[in-house]
Protein backbone atom coordinates (compact mmCIF):
# COMPACT_ATOMS: atom_id res chain seq x y z
CA MET A 1 -22.27 17.34 -18.33
CA GLY A 2 -23.18 15.70 -21.64
CA HIS A 3 -25.90 13.14 -21.87
CA PHE A 4 -26.62 11.62 -25.24
CA PRO A 5 -29.42 13.34 -27.16
CA ALA A 6 -32.83 11.70 -27.44
CA GLY A 7 -31.98 10.63 -31.00
CA ALA A 8 -28.93 8.62 -29.87
CA ALA A 9 -28.93 4.85 -30.22
CA LEU A 10 -30.92 3.08 -27.54
CA THR A 11 -27.86 1.12 -26.40
CA PHE A 12 -26.05 4.34 -25.52
CA ARG A 13 -29.00 5.71 -23.58
CA THR A 14 -29.50 2.40 -21.75
CA PHE A 15 -25.87 2.42 -20.63
CA ILE A 16 -26.13 5.95 -19.29
CA TYR A 17 -29.35 5.37 -17.35
CA ASP A 18 -28.81 1.82 -16.11
CA GLY A 19 -25.17 2.08 -15.08
CA ARG A 20 -23.14 -1.05 -14.45
CA ARG A 21 -24.64 -4.45 -15.11
CA SER A 22 -24.01 -7.62 -13.16
CA VAL A 23 -22.06 -10.53 -14.62
CA GLU A 24 -25.30 -12.52 -14.69
CA ASP A 25 -27.02 -9.81 -16.75
CA LEU A 26 -24.12 -9.63 -19.19
CA VAL A 27 -24.03 -13.41 -19.67
CA ASP A 28 -27.82 -13.53 -20.04
CA SER A 29 -27.67 -10.86 -22.76
CA TYR A 30 -26.08 -13.52 -25.02
CA GLY A 31 -29.10 -15.82 -24.71
CA ILE A 32 -27.17 -18.94 -23.68
CA LYS A 33 -29.76 -21.70 -23.36
CA ASN A 34 -27.60 -24.34 -21.64
CA ALA A 35 -27.78 -23.71 -17.87
CA GLY A 36 -24.47 -25.47 -17.21
CA ILE A 37 -22.57 -23.34 -19.74
CA ARG A 38 -24.25 -20.18 -18.42
CA GLN A 39 -23.17 -21.01 -14.87
CA LEU A 40 -19.65 -21.91 -16.04
CA LEU A 41 -19.26 -18.47 -17.62
CA ILE A 42 -20.61 -16.71 -14.54
CA ASP A 43 -18.25 -18.67 -12.28
CA TYR A 44 -15.34 -17.82 -14.58
CA PHE A 45 -15.98 -14.07 -14.62
CA VAL A 46 -16.91 -13.54 -10.95
CA PRO A 47 -13.72 -13.16 -8.90
CA GLY A 48 -13.36 -15.70 -6.12
CA GLN A 49 -15.96 -18.11 -7.48
CA LEU A 50 -13.51 -20.68 -8.83
CA PRO A 51 -11.24 -22.77 -6.63
CA PRO A 52 -7.61 -21.61 -6.61
CA ARG A 53 -5.53 -22.84 -9.50
CA ARG A 54 -2.98 -25.48 -8.62
CA GLU A 55 0.60 -24.78 -9.52
CA ARG A 56 2.43 -27.52 -11.38
CA PRO A 57 5.56 -28.79 -9.70
CA ARG A 58 8.63 -27.44 -11.43
CA ALA A 59 11.06 -29.85 -13.00
CA ALA A 60 14.35 -30.06 -11.17
């Protein structure tokens, strides 16, 4: 069933042939130069990487 024709935009063809990309690959595609910010984004988007969020005590 339908692949994009050879004249289709390269981004469409890349998506079809490469399949899913890792979080690291997606973050790296933005060219973030600061390693700390890059890692922060990866930690944010990968489930289970961040410590559980603390709930605030409710006012009585």
